[in-house]
Amino acid sequence: MIDWQLVGDAYRGYANYLWQEITFQYDYKPLWQNYFWALIGVSLIFMAWEWFRPWRKDQPKFRKDFWLDAFYMFFNFFLFSLIIFNAMSNVVVEAFNGLLADIGITNLAAIEIGSWSVIAQLLALFVIRDFIQWWTHRLLHAVPALWKYHKVHHSVEQMGFAAHLRYHWMETIVYRTIEYIPLAMIGFGIDDFFFVHMFTLAVGHWNHANIKVNLGPLKYIFNNPNMHMWHHAHDLPEGRKMGVNFALTLSIWDYLFGTAYIPSSGKSIKLGFPGVSKFPKTFLGQIFYGFNKKDQ
């Protein structure tokens, strides 16, 4: 039975939060922890970086589909939560917790990290979450039903920071569903999650950006544009048709599990996937892709 009061409270709560973020009308956190404007600020930094120090100098400043990807930023990070995700997730979490209570489980936490230092908590959250997301990303490539949704992200044909923001809304549901139990089991509830989220967001922008930075030995720890270009390659190497370089933030998982692949710089390789030329080009065509049996 759906608790419509819970749904209504979720809608009102998120709409109020979003308006407060846009207008700075809040007093429960520092102004610099404003997620809405922080996302825009980070994006503008990478836009300027691409314009003044581009890796592919022949690529237009406003590359192919730039404005589509810019709209995805607001849809995926804000509008989707306002329209459905926040209310839906509250209902599902409430139902899940109720189910656990029915079988006698009132607390999922197996490791309570609340007593650790803030730095230790942030580091644990960052590493564990990134590891979960790495495996989830592999699932998006390995499971045909999930790959249909992930193809939206891989439909990018010219790489730039905003390509990071183009992804199907079903990915949000998949990632958050898989993350929920493991993070609940470590007693996740830290208030400083903002730092982890903004750091991983910036690295995601960087991975997709038209920039080139020599990381040296750190390339074996952090994902980077050179590595991620090969993840988006149109033509995958023989024997690796499920994909390569699945890292979101930490590249170390690819090196540990044998999925790293960087044969050359990848500066000008063809991007996308076989059949990308026939893939929907419009926002509506992409967000509804994957639900029709004819979608392959």
C-alpha atoms as a PDB file:
ATOM      1  CA  MET A   1       0.000   0.000   0.000  1.00  0.00           C
ATOM      2  CA  ILE A   2       1.528   3.323  -1.066  1.00  0.00           C
ATOM      3  CA  ASP A   3       1.779   5.922   1.674  1.00  0.00           C
ATOM      4  CA  TRP A   4       0.635   8.983  -0.291  1.00  0.00           C
ATOM      5  CA  GLN A   5       1.406  11.223   2.653  1.00  0.00           C
ATOM      6  CA  LEU A   6       5.026  10.080   2.425  1.00  0.00           C
ATOM      7  CA  VAL A   7       5.030  10.727  -1.321  1.00  0.00           C
ATOM      8  CA  GLY A   8       3.573  14.190  -0.875  1.00  0.00           C
ATOM      9  CA  ASP A   9       6.043  15.058   1.874  1.00  0.00           C
ATOM     10  CA  ALA A  10       8.911  13.895  -0.337  1.00  0.00           C
ATOM     11  CA  TYR A  11       7.791  16.085  -3.243  1.00  0.00           C
ATOM     12  CA  ARG A  12       7.287  19.130  -1.053  1.00  0.00           C
ATOM     13  CA  GLY A  13      10.524  18.537   0.806  1.00  0.00           C
ATOM     14  CA  TYR A  14      12.659  18.225  -2.323  1.00  0.00           C
ATOM     15  CA  ALA A  15      10.967  21.122  -4.110  1.00  0.00           C
ATOM     16  CA  ASN A  16      11.600  23.298  -1.061  1.00  0.00           C
ATOM     17  CA  TYR A  17      15.222  22.113  -0.859  1.00  0.00           C
ATOM     18  CA  LEU A  18      15.825  22.837  -4.556  1.00  0.00           C
ATOM     19  CA  TRP A  19      14.343  26.328  -4.303  1.00  0.00           C
ATOM     20  CA  GLN A  20      16.462  27.060  -1.235  1.00  0.00           C
ATOM     21  CA  GLU A  21      19.577  25.888  -3.110  1.00  0.00           C
ATOM     22  CA  ILE A  22      18.844  28.115  -6.098  1.00  0.00           C
ATOM     23  CA  THR A  23      18.054  31.196  -3.985  1.00  0.00           C
ATOM     24  CA  PHE A  24      20.499  30.569  -1.067  1.00  0.00           C
ATOM     25  CA  GLN A  25      17.558  30.698   1.349  1.00  0.00           C
ATOM     26  CA  TYR A  26      18.828  28.322   4.033  1.00  0.00           C
ATOM     27  CA  ASP A  27      20.710  28.508   7.308  1.00  0.00           C
ATOM     28  CA  TYR A  28      21.418  24.836   8.045  1.00  0.00           C
ATOM     29  CA  LYS A  29      24.748  24.651   6.184  1.00  0.00           C
ATOM     30  CA  PRO A  30      27.532  26.948   4.910  1.00  0.00           C
ATOM     31  CA  LEU A  31      26.847  28.797   1.648  1.00  0.00           C
ATOM     32  CA  TRP A  32      29.783  27.051  -0.046  1.00  0.00           C
ATOM     33  CA  GLN A  33      28.014  23.704   0.393  1.00  0.00           C
ATOM     34  CA  ASN A  34      25.348  24.761  -2.101  1.00  0.00           C
ATOM     35  CA  TYR A  35      25.180  21.756  -4.415  1.00  0.00           C
ATOM     36  CA  PHE A  36      23.205  23.438  -7.211  1.00  0.00           C
ATOM     37  CA  TRP A  37      25.660  26.284  -7.735  1.00  0.00           C
ATOM     38  CA  ALA A  38      28.689  24.118  -6.933  1.00  0.00           C
ATOM     39  CA  LEU A  39      27.759  21.819  -9.839  1.00  0.00           C
ATOM     40  CA  ILE A  40      27.450  24.799 -12.176  1.00  0.00           C
ATOM     41  CA  GLY A  41      30.726  26.261 -10.885  1.00  0.00           C
ATOM     42  CA  VAL A  42      32.677  23.022 -11.383  1.00  0.00           C
ATOM     43  CA  SER A  43      31.202  22.696 -14.885  1.00  0.00           C
ATOM     44  CA  LEU A  44      32.245  26.250 -15.817  1.00  0.00           C
ATOM     45  CA  ILE A  45      35.795  25.570 -14.609  1.00  0.00           C
ATOM     46  CA  PHE A  46      36.108  22.546 -16.877  1.00  0.00           C
ATOM     47  CA  MET A  47      34.506  24.418 -19.763  1.00  0.00           C
ATOM     48  CA  ALA A  48      37.148  27.146 -19.465  1.00  0.00           C
ATOM     49  CA  TRP A  49      39.892  24.517 -19.136  1.00  0.00           C
ATOM     50  CA  GLU A  50      38.721  22.831 -22.338  1.00  0.00           C
ATOM     51  CA  TRP A  51      38.546  26.130 -24.214  1.00  0.00           C
ATOM     52  CA  PHE A  52      41.975  27.425 -23.244  1.00  0.00           C
ATOM     53  CA  ARG A  53      43.946  24.152 -23.029  1.00  0.00           C
ATOM     54  CA  PRO A  54      42.166  21.679 -25.341  1.00  0.00           C
ATOM     55  CA  TRP A  55      43.597  18.227 -26.003  1.00  0.00           C
ATOM     56  CA  ARG A  56      41.859  17.924 -29.386  1.00  0.00           C
ATOM     57  CA  LYS A  57      42.422  21.416 -30.762  1.00  0.00           C
ATOM     58  CA  ASP A  58      40.221  20.879 -33.825  1.00  0.00           C
ATOM     59  CA  GLN A  59      37.147  20.080 -31.722  1.00  0.00           C
ATOM     60  CA  PRO A  60      34.556  22.911 -31.543  1.00  0.00           C
ATOM     61  CA  LYS A  61      34.234  24.771 -28.244  1.00  0.00           C
ATOM     62  CA  PHE A  62      30.577  23.807 -28.229  1.00  0.00           C
ATOM     63  CA  ARG A  63      31.076  20.249 -29.410  1.00  0.00           C
ATOM     64  CA  LYS A  64      28.406  18.060 -30.946  1.00  0.00           C
ATOM     65  CA  ASP A  65      25.406  17.659 -28.573  1.00  0.00           C
ATOM     66  CA  PHE A  66      26.884  20.020 -25.955  1.00  0.00           C
ATOM     67  CA  TRP A  67      23.546  21.673 -25.209  1.00  0.00           C
ATOM     68  CA  LEU A  68      21.796  18.309 -24.970  1.00  0.00           C
ATOM     69  CA  ASP A  69      24.337  17.224 -22.362  1.00  0.00           C
ATOM     70  CA  ALA A  70      24.012  20.537 -20.514  1.00  0.00           C
ATOM     71  CA  PHE A  71      20.276  19.912 -20.191  1.00  0.00           C
ATOM     72  CA  TYR A  72      21.010  16.389 -18.914  1.00  0.00           C
ATOM     73  CA  MET A  73      22.923  18.024 -16.053  1.00  0.00           C
ATOM     74  CA  PHE A  74      19.809  19.718 -14.738  1.00  0.00           C
ATOM     75  CA  PHE A  75      17.526  16.789 -15.521  1.00  0.00           C
ATOM     76  CA  ASN A  76      19.600  14.010 -13.962  1.00  0.00           C
ATOM     77  CA  PHE A  77      20.846  15.945 -10.952  1.00  0.00           C
ATOM     78  CA  PHE A  78      17.728  17.940 -10.097  1.00  0.00           C
ATOM     79  CA  LEU A  79      14.572  17.569 -12.210  1.00  0.00           C
ATOM     80  CA  PHE A  80      14.489  13.763 -12.080  1.00  0.00           C
ATOM     81  CA  SER A  81      14.627  13.897  -8.277  1.00  0.00           C
ATOM     82  CA  LEU A  82      11.863  16.491  -8.266  1.00  0.00           C
ATOM     83  CA  ILE A  83       9.666  14.573 -10.719  1.00  0.00           C
ATOM     84  CA  ILE A  84       9.906  11.048  -9.341  1.00  0.00           C
ATOM     85  CA  PHE A  85      13.136   9.736  -7.796  1.00  0.00           C
ATOM     86  CA  ASN A  86      13.011  11.350  -4.367  1.00  0.00           C
ATOM     87  CA  ALA A  87       9.406  10.363  -3.708  1.00  0.00           C
ATOM     88  CA  MET A  88       9.859   6.881  -5.154  1.00  0.00           C
ATOM     89  CA  SER A  89      13.047   6.186  -3.205  1.00  0.00           C
ATOM     90  CA  ASN A  90      11.421   7.285   0.069  1.00  0.00           C
ATOM     91  CA  VAL A  91       8.542   4.881  -0.535  1.00  0.00           C
ATOM     92  CA  VAL A  92      10.853   1.991  -1.448  1.00  0.00           C
ATOM     93  CA  VAL A  93      13.195   2.560   1.512  1.00  0.00           C
ATOM     94  CA  GLU A  94      10.223   2.761   3.878  1.00  0.00           C
ATOM     95  CA  ALA A  95       8.805  -0.487   2.461  1.00  0.00           C
ATOM     96  CA  PHE A  96      12.206  -2.202   2.620  1.00  0.00           C
ATOM     97  CA  ASN A  97      12.770  -1.146   6.226  1.00  0.00           C
ATOM     98  CA  GLY A  98       9.262  -2.348   7.057  1.00  0.00           C
ATOM     99  CA  LEU A  99      10.037  -5.732   5.506  1.00  0.00           C
ATOM    100  CA  LEU A 100      13.227  -6.004   7.543  1.00  0.00           C
ATOM    101  CA  ALA A 101      11.342  -5.098  10.704  1.00  0.00           C
ATOM    102  CA  ASP A 102       8.807  -7.845   9.989  1.00  0.00           C
ATOM    103  CA  ILE A 103      11.600 -10.424  10.074  1.00  0.00           C
ATOM    104  CA  GLY A 104      13.207  -8.925  13.152  1.00  0.00           C
ATOM    105  CA  ILE A 105      15.959  -6.766  11.635  1.00  0.00           C
ATOM    106  CA  THR A 106      15.817  -3.200  12.902  1.00  0.00           C
ATOM    107  CA  ASN A 107      19.383  -2.098  12.116  1.00  0.00           C
ATOM    108  CA  LEU A 108      21.369  -3.075   9.022  1.00  0.00           C
ATOM    109  CA  ALA A 109      24.634  -1.638  10.300  1.00  0.00           C
ATOM    110  CA  ALA A 110      27.266  -4.373  10.579  1.00  0.00           C
ATOM    111  CA  ILE A 111      30.176  -1.955  11.034  1.00  0.00           C
ATOM    112  CA  GLU A 112      29.477   1.268  12.868  1.00  0.00           C
ATOM    113  CA  ILE A 113      31.837   3.925  11.520  1.00  0.00           C
ATOM    114  CA  GLY A 114      30.133   6.857  13.220  1.00  0.00           C
ATOM    115  CA  SER A 115      32.765   6.845  15.966  1.00  0.00           C
ATOM    116  CA  TRP A 116      35.650   7.160  13.483  1.00  0.00           C
ATOM    117  CA  SER A 117      37.281  10.471  12.665  1.00  0.00           C
ATOM    118  CA  VAL A 118      35.634  12.492   9.899  1.00  0.00           C
ATOM    119  CA  ILE A 119      38.641  11.909   7.605  1.00  0.00           C
ATOM    120  CA  ALA A 120      38.488   8.134   8.170  1.00  0.00           C
ATOM    121  CA  GLN A 121      34.739   8.098   7.530  1.00  0.00           C
ATOM    122  CA  LEU A 122      35.082  10.090   4.313  1.00  0.00           C
ATOM    123  CA  LEU A 123      37.890   7.871   3.061  1.00  0.00           C
ATOM    124  CA  ALA A 124      35.975   4.676   3.877  1.00  0.00           C
ATOM    125  CA  LEU A 125      32.830   6.010   2.206  1.00  0.00           C
ATOM    126  CA  PHE A 126      34.754   7.134  -0.867  1.00  0.00           C
ATOM    127  CA  VAL A 127      36.631   3.840  -1.417  1.00  0.00           C
ATOM    128  CA  ILE A 128      33.706   1.508  -0.640  1.00  0.00           C
ATOM    129  CA  ARG A 129      31.244   3.483  -2.728  1.00  0.00           C
ATOM    130  CA  ASP A 130      33.642   3.694  -5.669  1.00  0.00           C
ATOM    131  CA  PHE A 131      34.244  -0.073  -5.521  1.00  0.00           C
ATOM    132  CA  ILE A 132      30.483  -0.750  -5.532  1.00  0.00           C
ATOM    133  CA  GLN A 133      30.016   1.640  -8.442  1.00  0.00           C
ATOM    134  CA  TRP A 134      32.836  -0.009 -10.404  1.00  0.00           C
ATOM    135  CA  TRP A 135      31.069  -3.376 -10.216  1.00  0.00           C
ATOM    136  CA  THR A 136      27.722  -1.747 -11.004  1.00  0.00           C
ATOM    137  CA  HIS A 137      29.284  -0.135 -14.070  1.00  0.00           C
ATOM    138  CA  ARG A 138      30.481  -3.579 -15.221  1.00  0.00           C
ATOM    139  CA  LEU A 139      26.926  -4.874 -14.797  1.00  0.00           C
ATOM    140  CA  LEU A 140      25.607  -2.081 -17.021  1.00  0.00           C
ATOM    141  CA  HIS A 141      27.844  -3.424 -19.783  1.00  0.00           C
ATOM    142  CA  ALA A 142      27.424  -7.153 -19.091  1.00  0.00           C
ATOM    143  CA  VAL A 143      23.638  -7.411 -18.671  1.00  0.00           C
ATOM    144  CA  PRO A 144      21.820  -6.741 -21.988  1.00  0.00           C
ATOM    145  CA  ALA A 145      18.737  -5.273 -20.278  1.00  0.00           C
ATOM    146  CA  LEU A 146      20.947  -2.748 -18.443  1.00  0.00           C
ATOM    147  CA  TRP A 147      23.185  -2.057 -21.440  1.00  0.00           C
ATOM    148  CA  LYS A 148      20.152  -0.677 -23.283  1.00  0.00           C
ATOM    149  CA  TYR A 149      19.977   2.141 -20.756  1.00  0.00           C
ATOM    150  CA  HIS A 150      23.736   2.633 -20.559  1.00  0.00           C
ATOM    151  CA  LYS A 151      23.909   3.079 -24.329  1.00  0.00           C
ATOM    152  CA  VAL A 152      22.568   6.602 -23.794  1.00  0.00           C
ATOM    153  CA  HIS A 153      25.852   7.542 -22.126  1.00  0.00           C
ATOM    154  CA  HIS A 154      27.873   5.799 -24.830  1.00  0.00           C
ATOM    155  CA  SER A 155      26.011   7.598 -27.608  1.00  0.00           C
ATOM    156  CA  VAL A 156      28.481  10.488 -27.137  1.00  0.00           C
ATOM    157  CA  GLU A 157      30.461  10.934 -30.365  1.00  0.00           C
ATOM    158  CA  GLN A 158      32.606  13.930 -29.365  1.00  0.00           C
ATOM    159  CA  MET A 159      34.068  13.883 -25.874  1.00  0.00           C
ATOM    160  CA  GLY A 160      33.852  16.821 -23.500  1.00  0.00           C
ATOM    161  CA  PHE A 161      33.225  17.371 -19.782  1.00  0.00           C
ATOM    162  CA  ALA A 162      29.438  17.624 -20.254  1.00  0.00           C
ATOM    163  CA  ALA A 163      29.381  14.075 -21.684  1.00  0.00           C
ATOM    164  CA  HIS A 164      29.719  12.986 -18.059  1.00  0.00           C
ATOM    165  CA  LEU A 165      26.194  14.255 -17.484  1.00  0.00           C
ATOM    166  CA  ARG A 166      24.468  12.339 -20.283  1.00  0.00           C
ATOM    167  CA  TYR A 167      23.050   9.148 -18.852  1.00  0.00           C
ATOM    168  CA  HIS A 168      19.684   7.401 -18.703  1.00  0.00           C
ATOM    169  CA  TRP A 169      17.632   8.045 -15.560  1.00  0.00           C
ATOM    170  CA  MET A 170      17.357   4.279 -15.003  1.00  0.00           C
ATOM    171  CA  GLU A 171      21.076   4.279 -14.180  1.00  0.00           C
ATOM    172  CA  THR A 172      20.347   6.391 -11.102  1.00  0.00           C
ATOM    173  CA  ILE A 173      17.887   3.761  -9.916  1.00  0.00           C
ATOM    174  CA  VAL A 174      20.310   0.902 -10.589  1.00  0.00           C
ATOM    175  CA  TYR A 175      23.261   2.558  -8.857  1.00  0.00           C
ATOM    176  CA  ARG A 176      21.303   3.732  -5.807  1.00  0.00           C
ATOM    177  CA  THR A 177      19.557   0.380  -5.376  1.00  0.00           C
ATOM    178  CA  ILE A 178      22.819  -1.568  -5.420  1.00  0.00           C
ATOM    179  CA  GLU A 179      24.572   0.957  -3.151  1.00  0.00           C
ATOM    180  CA  TYR A 180      21.851   1.098  -0.507  1.00  0.00           C
ATOM    181  CA  ILE A 181      22.451  -2.091   1.506  1.00  0.00           C
ATOM    182  CA  PRO A 182      26.303  -2.024   1.552  1.00  0.00           C
ATOM    183  CA  LEU A 183      26.364   1.632   2.631  1.00  0.00           C
ATOM    184  CA  ALA A 184      23.651   1.002   5.227  1.00  0.00           C
ATOM    185  CA  MET A 185      25.738  -1.879   6.600  1.00  0.00           C
ATOM    186  CA  ILE A 186      28.622   0.458   7.440  1.00  0.00           C
ATOM    187  CA  GLY A 187      26.299   2.839   9.232  1.00  0.00           C
ATOM    188  CA  PHE A 188      26.526   5.526   6.563  1.00  0.00           C
ATOM    189  CA  GLY A 189      25.066   8.815   7.677  1.00  0.00           C
ATOM    190  CA  ILE A 190      27.924  11.291   7.618  1.00  0.00           C
ATOM    191  CA  ASP A 191      27.020  14.941   7.139  1.00  0.00           C
ATOM    192  CA  ASP A 192      30.161  15.738   5.125  1.00  0.00           C
ATOM    193  CA  PHE A 193      29.172  13.586   2.148  1.00  0.00           C
ATOM    194  CA  PHE A 194      29.200  16.837   0.141  1.00  0.00           C
ATOM    195  CA  PHE A 195      33.008  16.672  -0.079  1.00  0.00           C
ATOM    196  CA  VAL A 196      33.066  13.114  -1.440  1.00  0.00           C
ATOM    197  CA  HIS A 197      30.290  13.825  -3.905  1.00  0.00           C
ATOM    198  CA  MET A 198      31.857  17.000  -5.286  1.00  0.00           C
ATOM    199  CA  PHE A 199      35.277  15.347  -5.583  1.00  0.00           C
ATOM    200  CA  THR A 200      33.906  12.384  -7.530  1.00  0.00           C
ATOM    201  CA  LEU A 201      31.803  14.752  -9.649  1.00  0.00           C
ATOM    202  CA  ALA A 202      34.907  16.784 -10.549  1.00  0.00           C
ATOM    203  CA  VAL A 203      36.848  13.633 -11.447  1.00  0.00           C
ATOM    204  CA  GLY A 204      33.928  12.504 -13.624  1.00  0.00           C
ATOM    205  CA  HIS A 205      34.001  15.841 -15.454  1.00  0.00           C
ATOM    206  CA  TRP A 206      37.763  15.534 -15.855  1.00  0.00           C
ATOM    207  CA  ASN A 207      37.570  11.968 -17.231  1.00  0.00           C
ATOM    208  CA  HIS A 208      35.306  13.139 -20.044  1.00  0.00           C
ATOM    209  CA  ALA A 209      36.912  16.532 -20.648  1.00  0.00           C
ATOM    210  CA  ASN A 210      38.837  17.572 -23.748  1.00  0.00           C
ATOM    211  CA  ILE A 211      42.004  18.069 -21.705  1.00  0.00           C
ATOM    212  CA  LYS A 212      45.246  16.210 -21.209  1.00  0.00           C
ATOM    213  CA  VAL A 213      47.190  15.970 -17.955  1.00  0.00           C
ATOM    214  CA  ASN A 214      50.160  13.711 -17.276  1.00  0.00           C
ATOM    215  CA  LEU A 215      49.422  11.992 -13.971  1.00  0.00           C
ATOM    216  CA  GLY A 216      52.581   9.912 -13.901  1.00  0.00           C
ATOM    217  CA  PRO A 217      52.278   6.946 -11.483  1.00  0.00           C
ATOM    218  CA  LEU A 218      48.961   8.342 -10.190  1.00  0.00           C
ATOM    219  CA  LYS A 219      47.317   7.068 -13.391  1.00  0.00           C
ATOM    220  CA  TYR A 220      47.268   3.661 -11.702  1.00  0.00           C
ATOM    221  CA  ILE A 221      45.107   5.117  -8.927  1.00  0.00           C
ATOM    222  CA  PHE A 222      42.898   7.763 -10.535  1.00  0.00           C
ATOM    223  CA  ASN A 223      40.852   7.597 -13.710  1.00  0.00           C
ATOM    224  CA  ASN A 224      41.817  10.124 -16.391  1.00  0.00           C
ATOM    225  CA  PRO A 225      40.795  11.357 -19.888  1.00  0.00           C
ATOM    226  CA  ASN A 226      43.314   9.133 -21.685  1.00  0.00           C
ATOM    227  CA  MET A 227      42.011   6.007 -19.965  1.00  0.00           C
ATOM    228  CA  HIS A 228      38.348   6.892 -20.239  1.00  0.00           C
ATOM    229  CA  MET A 229      38.533   7.630 -23.966  1.00  0.00           C
ATOM    230  CA  TRP A 230      39.139   3.927 -24.517  1.00  0.00           C
ATOM    231  CA  HIS A 231      36.087   3.081 -22.421  1.00  0.00           C
ATOM    232  CA  HIS A 232      34.020   5.058 -24.960  1.00  0.00           C
ATOM    233  CA  ALA A 233      35.772   3.560 -27.992  1.00  0.00           C
ATOM    234  CA  HIS A 234      33.474   2.590 -30.854  1.00  0.00           C
ATOM    235  CA  ASP A 235      35.593  -0.472 -31.630  1.00  0.00           C
ATOM    236  CA  LEU A 236      36.504  -2.613 -28.635  1.00  0.00           C
ATOM    237  CA  PRO A 237      39.494  -4.994 -28.635  1.00  0.00           C
ATOM    238  CA  GLU A 238      39.003  -8.652 -29.497  1.00  0.00           C
ATOM    239  CA  GLY A 239      37.887 -10.643 -26.463  1.00  0.00           C
ATOM    240  CA  ARG A 240      36.703  -7.543 -24.582  1.00  0.00           C
ATOM    241  CA  LYS A 241      33.317  -6.921 -26.131  1.00  0.00           C
ATOM    242  CA  MET A 242      31.779  -6.223 -22.713  1.00  0.00           C
ATOM    243  CA  GLY A 243      34.012  -3.179 -22.362  1.00  0.00           C
ATOM    244  CA  VAL A 244      37.231  -1.960 -20.749  1.00  0.00           C
ATOM    245  CA  ASN A 245      38.295   0.688 -18.218  1.00  0.00           C
ATOM    246  CA  PHE A 246      35.182   0.682 -16.020  1.00  0.00           C
ATOM    247  CA  ALA A 247      36.647   3.080 -13.449  1.00  0.00           C
ATOM    248  CA  LEU A 248      34.544   5.986 -12.256  1.00  0.00           C
ATOM    249  CA  THR A 249      37.066   7.652  -9.955  1.00  0.00           C
ATOM    250  CA  LEU A 250      39.664   5.054  -8.965  1.00  0.00           C
ATOM    251  CA  SER A 251      41.426   3.327 -11.871  1.00  0.00           C
ATOM    252  CA  ILE A 252      43.083   0.872  -9.493  1.00  0.00           C
ATOM    253  CA  TRP A 253      40.107  -1.516  -9.749  1.00  0.00           C
ATOM    254  CA  ASP A 254      40.708  -1.942 -13.498  1.00  0.00           C
ATOM    255  CA  TYR A 255      44.365  -2.762 -12.920  1.00  0.00           C
ATOM    256  CA  LEU A 256      43.550  -5.180 -10.086  1.00  0.00           C
ATOM    257  CA  PHE A 257      40.832  -7.022 -12.027  1.00  0.00           C
ATOM    258  CA  GLY A 258      42.497  -7.000 -15.451  1.00  0.00           C
ATOM    259  CA  THR A 259      40.115  -4.678 -17.302  1.00  0.00           C
ATOM    260  CA  ALA A 260      42.587  -1.830 -17.920  1.00  0.00           C
ATOM    261  CA  TYR A 261      43.292  -1.148 -21.605  1.00  0.00           C
ATOM    262  CA  ILE A 262      45.285   1.826 -22.921  1.00  0.00           C
ATOM    263  CA  PRO A 263      47.108   0.794 -26.135  1.00  0.00           C
ATOM    264  CA  SER A 264      47.797   4.418 -27.155  1.00  0.00           C
ATOM    265  CA  SER A 265      46.705   7.969 -26.319  1.00  0.00           C
ATOM    266  CA  GLY A 266      43.214   7.490 -27.793  1.00  0.00           C
ATOM    267  CA  LYS A 267      43.188  11.169 -28.689  1.00  0.00           C
ATOM    268  CA  SER A 268      41.296  10.834 -31.969  1.00  0.00           C
ATOM    269  CA  ILE A 269      39.647   7.414 -31.839  1.00  0.00           C
ATOM    270  CA  LYS A 270      36.072   6.948 -33.024  1.00  0.00           C
ATOM    271  CA  LEU A 271      33.578   7.010 -30.152  1.00  0.00           C
ATOM    272  CA  GLY A 272      30.205   5.375 -29.618  1.00  0.00           C
ATOM    273  CA  PHE A 273      29.150   1.828 -30.461  1.00  0.00           C
ATOM    274  CA  PRO A 274      28.112  -0.111 -33.578  1.00  0.00           C
ATOM    275  CA  GLY A 275      24.809   1.383 -34.696  1.00  0.00           C
ATOM    276  CA  VAL A 276      25.256   4.692 -32.848  1.00  0.00           C
ATOM    277  CA  SER A 277      24.345   6.619 -36.012  1.00  0.00           C
ATOM    278  CA  LYS A 278      20.796   5.197 -35.742  1.00  0.00           C
ATOM    279  CA  PHE A 279      20.489   5.823 -31.994  1.00  0.00           C
ATOM    280  CA  PRO A 280      17.907   8.456 -30.904  1.00  0.00           C
ATOM    281  CA  LYS A 281      19.363  11.973 -31.018  1.00  0.00           C
ATOM    282  CA  THR A 282      16.688  13.804 -29.014  1.00  0.00           C
ATOM    283  CA  PHE A 283      16.371  14.019 -25.243  1.00  0.00           C
ATOM    284  CA  LEU A 284      12.917  12.402 -25.187  1.00  0.00           C
ATOM    285  CA  GLY A 285      14.012   9.664 -27.550  1.00  0.00           C
ATOM    286  CA  GLN A 286      16.928   8.829 -25.264  1.00  0.00           C
ATOM    287  CA  ILE A 287      15.190   8.920 -21.864  1.00  0.00           C
ATOM    288  CA  PHE A 288      12.490   6.542 -23.085  1.00  0.00           C
ATOM    289  CA  TYR A 289      14.968   4.251 -24.835  1.00  0.00           C
ATOM    290  CA  GLY A 290      15.225   0.717 -23.479  1.00  0.00           C
ATOM    291  CA  PHE A 291      11.574   0.110 -22.671  1.00  0.00           C
ATOM    292  CA  ASN A 292      10.559  -1.036 -26.139  1.00  0.00           C
ATOM    293  CA  LYS A 293      11.294  -4.640 -27.121  1.00  0.00           C
ATOM    294  CA  LYS A 294      12.583  -3.330 -30.439  1.00  0.00           C
ATOM    295  CA  ASP A 295      15.343  -1.337 -28.675  1.00  0.00           C
ATOM    296  CA  GLN A 296      18.604  -3.205 -29.024  1.00  0.00           C
END
